[in-house]
Amino acid sequence: MNKRILILVVTIFLLIGTSPAYADVTLSINGKSYFPLTPAYLENGVTMIGLDNVSRVMGGTVLIDGDLYVLSKNDIKLELMVGQTTAKLNGRTYNLAAAPKMVDEEVMVPLWSVMEALGAEVEWQPQTRTVAVTYLETRKGMTPKEVMLKSNQVLTEHNTYKIRAELLEKADTGIPDQSLKNFRVLDLAVQRNPVLAHAKTSVRVEDPSPHLETSSSELIIDERVITYEGEFYTVPNFERWVKDISGKDNQNLLEDQVQYYV
C-alpha cells in the first residue's frame, strides 16, 4: 500500500475515534415538546443545552462574571465555570457530566446535571431520542397548592389580615420618551368573623402632554366596605357612599373577595 495512502487512512481513523459525537435530540418539558432557539445536542453521551434555555424553562436568573455563570432559582445557587466539570451548588462542590462550553457565543451546559441541580427529574427515552424533563414549581419547598393551603390556614387562625399591593402600568403614546403612567395602590383589610372588609384603591395617572409645561397628575381614590349590612362604595370625585344592592349574601361576597386577593 502506498505510504501516503496508509498515513491518510490512519489519520482518518484517529480523527473518527477522537472527535466528539454530535446528534440532535428532542426535548420534553412536563410532557410537552420544547423547541429551544439553540437546539440541544448529544455530545459523547451527554445532552448539552443553552444556559439561557435552562433559565427560561426553570424560571431562574443568570448572572455573568467573565467565565463564571451563576444560575439562581429560589434558594438554589449553581455556579458554573466554562471549561470546568466542577461546579458549586449552594457553596458545595458539584460534579458535572461535562464542562460548560461556548458555542457560537452561547454557553452550553450539561442538561442532566444542571436540571437535576435545580430540582427537576430527567429521563432519557432512547426509542424517540427524547430527553424528558419533569419539574414542579415550588416556593420554599412547597407546591402552589400547598402554599395556598398554608396561606388559608394562617389567615383562618389569625381571623384578620392586611394586604398592600402596588402596580405601575405604562402605555405607549406614540411619542418618543413620553409614556402614559398609571400608578395603582391597593390597601385591603379583612376580618372574617364578624364579616368586615375595607379596600382602598388609589390611582394616579401621569400624562406627559407636550402641550403642558409639566406633566399632569391626578389622584383618583376608590373605597369599598363590606359588612353584614351590605356592600358600600364611594364614587370618585363625589364625597358620598353608595350601597350596592345586589342581593348577594355578604358572607359569600367576602369569601369571593378573599379568594380574589389571596
C-alpha atoms as a PDB file:
ATOM      1  CA  MET A   1       0.000   0.000   0.000  1.00  0.00           C
ATOM      2  CA  ASN A   2       1.268   3.436  -0.872  1.00  0.00           C
ATOM      3  CA  LYS A   3       2.782   5.096   2.200  1.00  0.00           C
ATOM      4  CA  ARG A   4       0.799   8.333   1.701  1.00  0.00           C
ATOM      5  CA  ILE A   5      -2.485   6.425   1.444  1.00  0.00           C
ATOM      6  CA  LEU A   6      -1.658   4.472   4.594  1.00  0.00           C
ATOM      7  CA  ILE A   7      -0.952   7.683   6.528  1.00  0.00           C
ATOM      8  CA  LEU A   8      -4.215   9.218   5.271  1.00  0.00           C
ATOM      9  CA  VAL A   9      -6.269   6.175   6.308  1.00  0.00           C
ATOM     10  CA  VAL A  10      -4.669   6.073   9.769  1.00  0.00           C
ATOM     11  CA  THR A  11      -5.291   9.814  10.225  1.00  0.00           C
ATOM     12  CA  ILE A  12      -8.978   9.448   9.307  1.00  0.00           C
ATOM     13  CA  PHE A  13      -9.472   6.626  11.813  1.00  0.00           C
ATOM     14  CA  LEU A  14      -7.721   8.647  14.523  1.00  0.00           C
ATOM     15  CA  LEU A  15      -9.988  11.628  13.887  1.00  0.00           C
ATOM     16  CA  ILE A  16     -13.083   9.440  13.967  1.00  0.00           C
ATOM     17  CA  GLY A  17     -12.005   7.947  17.271  1.00  0.00           C
ATOM     18  CA  THR A  18     -11.246  11.254  18.999  1.00  0.00           C
ATOM     19  CA  SER A  19     -13.819  13.716  17.631  1.00  0.00           C
ATOM     20  CA  PRO A  20     -16.976  14.253  19.720  1.00  0.00           C
ATOM     21  CA  ALA A  21     -20.184  12.671  18.500  1.00  0.00           C
ATOM     22  CA  TYR A  22     -22.899  15.244  17.845  1.00  0.00           C
ATOM     23  CA  ALA A  23     -26.559  14.364  17.355  1.00  0.00           C
ATOM     24  CA  ASP A  24     -29.765  16.318  17.742  1.00  0.00           C
ATOM     25  CA  VAL A  25     -32.150  15.283  20.499  1.00  0.00           C
ATOM     26  CA  THR A  26     -35.782  16.081  21.268  1.00  0.00           C
ATOM     27  CA  LEU A  27     -36.754  17.817  24.492  1.00  0.00           C
ATOM     28  CA  SER A  28     -39.920  17.299  26.525  1.00  0.00           C
ATOM     29  CA  ILE A  29     -40.806  19.564  29.470  1.00  0.00           C
ATOM     30  CA  ASN A  30     -43.566  18.235  31.740  1.00  0.00           C
ATOM     31  CA  GLY A  31     -44.908  16.096  28.906  1.00  0.00           C
ATOM     32  CA  LYS A  32     -44.891  18.842  26.260  1.00  0.00           C
ATOM     33  CA  SER A  33     -42.407  19.174  23.408  1.00  0.00           C
ATOM     34  CA  TYR A  34     -39.965  22.049  23.816  1.00  0.00           C
ATOM     35  CA  PHE A  35     -38.002  23.575  20.947  1.00  0.00           C
ATOM     36  CA  PRO A  36     -35.248  25.925  22.175  1.00  0.00           C
ATOM     37  CA  LEU A  37     -33.859  28.579  19.833  1.00  0.00           C
ATOM     38  CA  THR A  38     -30.490  26.846  20.014  1.00  0.00           C
ATOM     39  CA  PRO A  39     -31.178  23.115  19.559  1.00  0.00           C
ATOM     40  CA  ALA A  40     -29.951  20.748  22.240  1.00  0.00           C
ATOM     41  CA  TYR A  41     -27.491  18.137  21.054  1.00  0.00           C
ATOM     42  CA  LEU A  42     -25.874  14.934  22.259  1.00  0.00           C
ATOM     43  CA  GLU A  43     -22.093  15.031  22.654  1.00  0.00           C
ATOM     44  CA  ASN A  44     -20.258  11.931  23.817  1.00  0.00           C
ATOM     45  CA  GLY A  45     -23.404  10.682  25.549  1.00  0.00           C
ATOM     46  CA  VAL A  46     -24.143  13.993  27.300  1.00  0.00           C
ATOM     47  CA  THR A  47     -27.058  16.239  26.290  1.00  0.00           C
ATOM     48  CA  MET A  48     -25.935  19.867  26.018  1.00  0.00           C
ATOM     49  CA  ILE A  49     -28.366  22.788  26.142  1.00  0.00           C
ATOM     50  CA  GLY A  50     -28.049  26.571  26.178  1.00  0.00           C
ATOM     51  CA  LEU A  51     -27.903  28.041  29.686  1.00  0.00           C
ATOM     52  CA  ASP A  52     -30.426  30.731  28.698  1.00  0.00           C
ATOM     53  CA  ASN A  53     -32.902  27.995  27.773  1.00  0.00           C
ATOM     54  CA  VAL A  54     -32.468  26.416  31.207  1.00  0.00           C
ATOM     55  CA  SER A  55     -33.291  29.712  32.913  1.00  0.00           C
ATOM     56  CA  ARG A  56     -36.379  30.157  30.705  1.00  0.00           C
ATOM     57  CA  VAL A  57     -37.693  26.681  31.474  1.00  0.00           C
ATOM     58  CA  MET A  58     -36.943  26.760  35.198  1.00  0.00           C
ATOM     59  CA  GLY A  59     -37.650  30.454  35.733  1.00  0.00           C
ATOM     60  CA  GLY A  60     -34.230  31.216  37.215  1.00  0.00           C
ATOM     61  CA  THR A  61     -31.845  34.118  36.694  1.00  0.00           C
ATOM     62  CA  VAL A  62     -28.325  34.084  35.255  1.00  0.00           C
ATOM     63  CA  LEU A  63     -25.513  36.401  36.348  1.00  0.00           C
ATOM     64  CA  ILE A  64     -22.298  36.528  34.296  1.00  0.00           C
ATOM     65  CA  ASP A  65     -18.834  37.453  35.556  1.00  0.00           C
ATOM     66  CA  GLY A  66     -16.253  36.624  32.918  1.00  0.00           C
ATOM     67  CA  ASP A  67     -16.195  32.838  32.554  1.00  0.00           C
ATOM     68  CA  LEU A  68     -18.307  32.430  35.712  1.00  0.00           C
ATOM     69  CA  TYR A  69     -22.041  31.852  35.245  1.00  0.00           C
ATOM     70  CA  VAL A  70     -24.286  31.906  38.320  1.00  0.00           C
ATOM     71  CA  LEU A  71     -27.741  30.354  37.923  1.00  0.00           C
ATOM     72  CA  SER A  72     -30.147  31.146  40.779  1.00  0.00           C
ATOM     73  CA  LYS A  73     -33.604  29.726  41.446  1.00  0.00           C
ATOM     74  CA  ASN A  74     -35.433  30.209  44.763  1.00  0.00           C
ATOM     75  CA  ASP A  75     -32.902  29.094  47.398  1.00  0.00           C
ATOM     76  CA  ILE A  76     -30.683  27.248  44.887  1.00  0.00           C
ATOM     77  CA  LYS A  77     -27.453  28.779  43.582  1.00  0.00           C
ATOM     78  CA  LEU A  78     -25.406  26.969  40.932  1.00  0.00           C
ATOM     79  CA  GLU A  79     -22.005  28.401  39.941  1.00  0.00           C
ATOM     80  CA  LEU A  80     -20.583  27.211  36.615  1.00  0.00           C
ATOM     81  CA  MET A  81     -17.198  27.874  35.019  1.00  0.00           C
ATOM     82  CA  VAL A  82     -16.627  27.498  31.297  1.00  0.00           C
ATOM     83  CA  GLY A  83     -14.260  24.600  30.659  1.00  0.00           C
ATOM     84  CA  GLN A  84     -14.574  23.053  34.132  1.00  0.00           C
ATOM     85  CA  THR A  85     -16.512  19.945  35.155  1.00  0.00           C
ATOM     86  CA  THR A  86     -16.546  21.016  38.809  1.00  0.00           C
ATOM     87  CA  ALA A  87     -19.254  23.488  39.857  1.00  0.00           C
ATOM     88  CA  LYS A  88     -20.570  24.924  43.129  1.00  0.00           C
ATOM     89  CA  LEU A  89     -24.090  24.086  44.321  1.00  0.00           C
ATOM     90  CA  ASN A  90     -25.034  26.278  47.287  1.00  0.00           C
ATOM     91  CA  GLY A  91     -21.335  26.561  48.090  1.00  0.00           C
ATOM     92  CA  ARG A  92     -20.598  22.837  47.877  1.00  0.00           C
ATOM     93  CA  THR A  93     -18.654  21.007  45.183  1.00  0.00           C
ATOM     94  CA  TYR A  94     -20.916  19.631  42.453  1.00  0.00           C
ATOM     95  CA  ASN A  95     -19.620  17.449  39.621  1.00  0.00           C
ATOM     96  CA  LEU A  96     -20.957  17.973  36.107  1.00  0.00           C
ATOM     97  CA  ALA A  97     -21.297  15.322  33.411  1.00  0.00           C
ATOM     98  CA  ALA A  98     -19.451  17.650  31.008  1.00  0.00           C
ATOM     99  CA  ALA A  99     -17.798  21.044  31.154  1.00  0.00           C
ATOM    100  CA  PRO A 100     -19.772  24.120  30.028  1.00  0.00           C
ATOM    101  CA  LYS A 101     -18.501  25.424  26.707  1.00  0.00           C
ATOM    102  CA  MET A 102     -19.010  28.391  24.402  1.00  0.00           C
ATOM    103  CA  VAL A 103     -20.672  27.577  21.076  1.00  0.00           C
ATOM    104  CA  ASP A 104     -21.447  30.460  18.718  1.00  0.00           C
ATOM    105  CA  GLU A 105     -21.333  32.989  21.591  1.00  0.00           C
ATOM    106  CA  GLU A 106     -23.723  30.921  23.720  1.00  0.00           C
ATOM    107  CA  VAL A 107     -22.708  28.892  26.742  1.00  0.00           C
ATOM    108  CA  MET A 108     -23.840  25.282  26.511  1.00  0.00           C
ATOM    109  CA  VAL A 109     -24.208  23.243  29.704  1.00  0.00           C
ATOM    110  CA  PRO A 110     -24.920  19.571  30.510  1.00  0.00           C
ATOM    111  CA  LEU A 111     -28.700  19.422  30.709  1.00  0.00           C
ATOM    112  CA  TRP A 112     -28.956  16.469  33.071  1.00  0.00           C
ATOM    113  CA  SER A 113     -26.557  17.862  35.683  1.00  0.00           C
ATOM    114  CA  VAL A 114     -27.958  21.402  35.663  1.00  0.00           C
ATOM    115  CA  MET A 115     -31.650  20.443  35.610  1.00  0.00           C
ATOM    116  CA  GLU A 116     -31.246  17.979  38.483  1.00  0.00           C
ATOM    117  CA  ALA A 117     -29.357  20.593  40.499  1.00  0.00           C
ATOM    118  CA  LEU A 118     -32.427  22.832  40.203  1.00  0.00           C
ATOM    119  CA  GLY A 119     -34.771  20.094  41.410  1.00  0.00           C
ATOM    120  CA  ALA A 120     -36.011  18.602  38.131  1.00  0.00           C
ATOM    121  CA  GLU A 121     -36.205  14.919  37.200  1.00  0.00           C
ATOM    122  CA  VAL A 122     -34.591  13.927  33.899  1.00  0.00           C
ATOM    123  CA  GLU A 123     -35.202  10.747  31.905  1.00  0.00           C
ATOM    124  CA  TRP A 124     -33.676   9.547  28.622  1.00  0.00           C
ATOM    125  CA  GLN A 125     -36.131   7.873  26.230  1.00  0.00           C
ATOM    126  CA  PRO A 126     -33.933   6.097  23.641  1.00  0.00           C
ATOM    127  CA  GLN A 127     -36.787   4.963  21.375  1.00  0.00           C
ATOM    128  CA  THR A 128     -37.598   8.558  20.410  1.00  0.00           C
ATOM    129  CA  ARG A 129     -34.227  10.100  21.344  1.00  0.00           C
ATOM    130  CA  THR A 130     -36.079  12.335  23.789  1.00  0.00           C
ATOM    131  CA  VAL A 131     -34.841  13.912  26.996  1.00  0.00           C
ATOM    132  CA  ALA A 132     -37.901  14.166  29.258  1.00  0.00           C
ATOM    133  CA  VAL A 133     -37.699  16.795  31.999  1.00  0.00           C
ATOM    134  CA  THR A 134     -40.275  16.811  34.791  1.00  0.00           C
ATOM    135  CA  TYR A 135     -40.373  19.865  37.020  1.00  0.00           C
ATOM    136  CA  LEU A 136     -42.814  21.039  39.670  1.00  0.00           C
ATOM    137  CA  GLU A 137     -42.635  24.724  40.607  1.00  0.00           C
ATOM    138  CA  THR A 138     -42.128  25.224  44.342  1.00  0.00           C
ATOM    139  CA  ARG A 139     -41.710  28.053  46.827  1.00  0.00           C
ATOM    140  CA  LYS A 140     -39.674  27.184  49.923  1.00  0.00           C
ATOM    141  CA  GLY A 141     -40.199  23.502  49.142  1.00  0.00           C
ATOM    142  CA  MET A 142     -43.982  23.803  48.740  1.00  0.00           C
ATOM    143  CA  THR A 143     -46.075  23.422  45.596  1.00  0.00           C
ATOM    144  CA  PRO A 144     -48.528  26.202  44.614  1.00  0.00           C
ATOM    145  CA  LYS A 145     -51.408  24.159  46.066  1.00  0.00           C
ATOM    146  CA  GLU A 146     -49.530  23.631  49.329  1.00  0.00           C
ATOM    147  CA  VAL A 147     -48.724  27.355  49.517  1.00  0.00           C
ATOM    148  CA  MET A 148     -52.417  28.208  49.070  1.00  0.00           C
ATOM    149  CA  LEU A 149     -53.488  25.720  51.761  1.00  0.00           C
ATOM    150  CA  LYS A 150     -50.856  27.088  54.133  1.00  0.00           C
ATOM    151  CA  SER A 151     -51.965  30.671  53.454  1.00  0.00           C
ATOM    152  CA  ASN A 152     -55.614  29.836  54.085  1.00  0.00           C
ATOM    153  CA  GLN A 153     -54.673  28.066  57.332  1.00  0.00           C
ATOM    154  CA  VAL A 154     -52.721  31.093  58.582  1.00  0.00           C
ATOM    155  CA  LEU A 155     -55.496  33.503  57.602  1.00  0.00           C
ATOM    156  CA  THR A 156     -58.100  31.380  59.387  1.00  0.00           C
ATOM    157  CA  GLU A 157     -56.015  31.226  62.558  1.00  0.00           C
ATOM    158  CA  HIS A 158     -55.499  34.988  62.703  1.00  0.00           C
ATOM    159  CA  ASN A 159     -59.050  35.992  61.622  1.00  0.00           C
ATOM    160  CA  THR A 160     -57.816  39.393  60.403  1.00  0.00           C
ATOM    161  CA  TYR A 161     -55.107  40.408  57.959  1.00  0.00           C
ATOM    162  CA  LYS A 162     -53.971  43.240  55.706  1.00  0.00           C
ATOM    163  CA  ILE A 163     -52.661  43.293  52.154  1.00  0.00           C
ATOM    164  CA  ARG A 164     -50.934  46.079  50.239  1.00  0.00           C
ATOM    165  CA  ALA A 165     -50.267  45.828  46.512  1.00  0.00           C
ATOM    166  CA  GLU A 166     -48.586  48.325  44.197  1.00  0.00           C
ATOM    167  CA  LEU A 167     -48.757  48.307  40.410  1.00  0.00           C
ATOM    168  CA  LEU A 168     -47.164  50.506  37.759  1.00  0.00           C
ATOM    169  CA  GLU A 169     -48.702  50.448  34.277  1.00  0.00           C
ATOM    170  CA  LYS A 170     -47.204  52.151  31.231  1.00  0.00           C
ATOM    171  CA  ALA A 171     -48.924  52.859  27.926  1.00  0.00           C
ATOM    172  CA  ASP A 172     -47.164  53.898  24.744  1.00  0.00           C
ATOM    173  CA  THR A 173     -48.382  57.286  23.463  1.00  0.00           C
ATOM    174  CA  GLY A 174     -46.532  57.032  20.172  1.00  0.00           C
ATOM    175  CA  ILE A 175     -44.320  59.970  21.166  1.00  0.00           C
ATOM    176  CA  PRO A 176     -40.654  59.222  21.999  1.00  0.00           C
ATOM    177  CA  ASP A 177     -39.835  59.383  25.737  1.00  0.00           C
ATOM    178  CA  GLN A 178     -43.463  60.184  26.575  1.00  0.00           C
ATOM    179  CA  SER A 179     -45.428  57.279  28.005  1.00  0.00           C
ATOM    180  CA  LEU A 180     -48.675  57.399  29.963  1.00  0.00           C
ATOM    181  CA  LYS A 181     -48.057  56.132  33.509  1.00  0.00           C
ATOM    182  CA  ASN A 182     -50.676  54.671  35.812  1.00  0.00           C
ATOM    183  CA  PHE A 183     -49.704  54.137  39.476  1.00  0.00           C
ATOM    184  CA  ARG A 184     -52.155  51.910  41.345  1.00  0.00           C
ATOM    185  CA  VAL A 185     -52.040  51.116  45.086  1.00  0.00           C
ATOM    186  CA  LEU A 186     -54.440  48.719  46.829  1.00  0.00           C
ATOM    187  CA  ASP A 187     -54.804  48.590  50.618  1.00  0.00           C
ATOM    188  CA  LEU A 188     -57.038  45.738  51.788  1.00  0.00           C
ATOM    189  CA  ALA A 189     -58.035  44.846  55.362  1.00  0.00           C
ATOM    190  CA  VAL A 190     -60.231  41.801  56.031  1.00  0.00           C
ATOM    191  CA  GLN A 191     -61.874  40.380  59.146  1.00  0.00           C
ATOM    192  CA  ARG A 192     -63.608  37.017  58.838  1.00  0.00           C
ATOM    193  CA  ASN A 193     -65.740  36.937  61.983  1.00  0.00           C
ATOM    194  CA  PRO A 194     -67.702  39.120  62.131  1.00  0.00           C
ATOM    195  CA  VAL A 195     -67.556  39.890  58.431  1.00  0.00           C
ATOM    196  CA  LEU A 196     -65.776  43.158  57.707  1.00  0.00           C
ATOM    197  CA  ALA A 197     -63.622  44.195  54.764  1.00  0.00           C
ATOM    198  CA  HIS A 198     -62.243  47.528  53.647  1.00  0.00           C
ATOM    199  CA  ALA A 199     -60.486  48.107  50.326  1.00  0.00           C
ATOM    200  CA  LYS A 200     -58.967  51.392  49.228  1.00  0.00           C
ATOM    201  CA  THR A 201     -57.626  51.845  45.716  1.00  0.00           C
ATOM    202  CA  SER A 202     -55.531  54.886  44.852  1.00  0.00           C
ATOM    203  CA  VAL A 203     -54.798  55.559  41.197  1.00  0.00           C
ATOM    204  CA  ARG A 204     -52.512  58.304  39.940  1.00  0.00           C
ATOM    205  CA  VAL A 205     -52.362  58.952  36.211  1.00  0.00           C
ATOM    206  CA  GLU A 206     -49.464  60.959  34.820  1.00  0.00           C
ATOM    207  CA  ASP A 207     -49.965  62.409  31.351  1.00  0.00           C
ATOM    208  CA  PRO A 208     -46.748  63.861  29.869  1.00  0.00           C
ATOM    209  CA  SER A 209     -48.623  66.055  27.394  1.00  0.00           C
ATOM    210  CA  PRO A 210     -46.287  68.057  25.108  1.00  0.00           C
ATOM    211  CA  HIS A 211     -48.701  70.999  25.356  1.00  0.00           C
ATOM    212  CA  LEU A 212     -48.198  71.350  29.128  1.00  0.00           C
ATOM    213  CA  GLU A 213     -45.207  72.888  30.863  1.00  0.00           C
ATOM    214  CA  THR A 214     -45.186  69.979  33.338  1.00  0.00           C
ATOM    215  CA  SER A 215     -46.766  66.550  33.345  1.00  0.00           C
ATOM    216  CA  SER A 216     -50.292  66.481  34.717  1.00  0.00           C
ATOM    217  CA  SER A 217     -51.009  64.163  37.623  1.00  0.00           C
ATOM    218  CA  GLU A 218     -54.422  63.273  39.006  1.00  0.00           C
ATOM    219  CA  LEU A 219     -55.144  61.112  42.049  1.00  0.00           C
ATOM    220  CA  ILE A 220     -58.313  59.004  41.995  1.00  0.00           C
ATOM    221  CA  ILE A 221     -59.375  57.237  45.185  1.00  0.00           C
ATOM    222  CA  ASP A 222     -61.976  54.499  45.398  1.00  0.00           C
ATOM    223  CA  GLU A 223     -63.072  52.850  48.662  1.00  0.00           C
ATOM    224  CA  ARG A 224     -65.211  49.791  49.282  1.00  0.00           C
ATOM    225  CA  VAL A 225     -66.553  48.356  52.563  1.00  0.00           C
ATOM    226  CA  ILE A 226     -68.301  45.021  53.131  1.00  0.00           C
ATOM    227  CA  THR A 227     -70.283  44.326  56.316  1.00  0.00           C
ATOM    228  CA  TYR A 228     -73.243  42.135  57.283  1.00  0.00           C
ATOM    229  CA  GLU A 229     -75.449  45.073  56.337  1.00  0.00           C
ATOM    230  CA  GLY A 230     -74.239  45.162  52.770  1.00  0.00           C
ATOM    231  CA  GLU A 231     -71.544  46.446  50.444  1.00  0.00           C
ATOM    232  CA  PHE A 232     -70.790  50.153  50.297  1.00  0.00           C
ATOM    233  CA  TYR A 233     -68.518  52.042  47.935  1.00  0.00           C
ATOM    234  CA  THR A 234     -67.504  55.580  47.084  1.00  0.00           C
ATOM    235  CA  VAL A 235     -67.898  57.296  43.745  1.00  0.00           C
ATOM    236  CA  PRO A 236     -64.723  59.046  42.511  1.00  0.00           C
ATOM    237  CA  ASN A 237     -64.933  62.854  42.696  1.00  0.00           C
ATOM    238  CA  PHE A 238     -68.121  62.646  44.807  1.00  0.00           C
ATOM    239  CA  GLU A 239     -67.934  62.787  48.616  1.00  0.00           C
ATOM    240  CA  ARG A 240     -70.578  60.195  49.381  1.00  0.00           C
ATOM    241  CA  TRP A 241     -71.074  56.467  49.930  1.00  0.00           C
ATOM    242  CA  VAL A 242     -73.327  54.270  47.829  1.00  0.00           C
ATOM    243  CA  LYS A 243     -74.870  50.986  48.952  1.00  0.00           C
ATOM    244  CA  ASP A 244     -74.648  48.151  46.449  1.00  0.00           C
ATOM    245  CA  ILE A 245     -77.979  46.330  46.434  1.00  0.00           C
ATOM    246  CA  SER A 246     -77.127  43.097  44.659  1.00  0.00           C
ATOM    247  CA  GLY A 247     -78.947  40.653  46.938  1.00  0.00           C
ATOM    248  CA  LYS A 248     -75.847  38.554  47.430  1.00  0.00           C
ATOM    249  CA  ASP A 249     -75.137  37.068  50.847  1.00  0.00           C
ATOM    250  CA  ASN A 250     -72.333  39.096  52.410  1.00  0.00           C
ATOM    251  CA  GLN A 251     -70.511  36.072  53.801  1.00  0.00           C
ATOM    252  CA  ASN A 252     -70.286  34.637  50.283  1.00  0.00           C
ATOM    253  CA  LEU A 253     -69.375  38.068  48.987  1.00  0.00           C
ATOM    254  CA  LEU A 254     -66.500  38.304  51.440  1.00  0.00           C
ATOM    255  CA  GLU A 255     -65.286  34.815  50.564  1.00  0.00           C
ATOM    256  CA  ASP A 256     -65.220  35.848  46.905  1.00  0.00           C
ATOM    257  CA  GLN A 257     -63.136  38.907  47.798  1.00  0.00           C
ATOM    258  CA  VAL A 258     -60.744  36.792  49.860  1.00  0.00           C
ATOM    259  CA  GLN A 259     -60.280  34.234  47.074  1.00  0.00           C
ATOM    260  CA  TYR A 260     -59.638  37.046  44.585  1.00  0.00           C
ATOM    261  CA  TYR A 261     -56.977  38.871  46.550  1.00  0.00           C
ATOM    262  CA  VAL A 262     -55.217  35.941  48.260  1.00  0.00           C
END
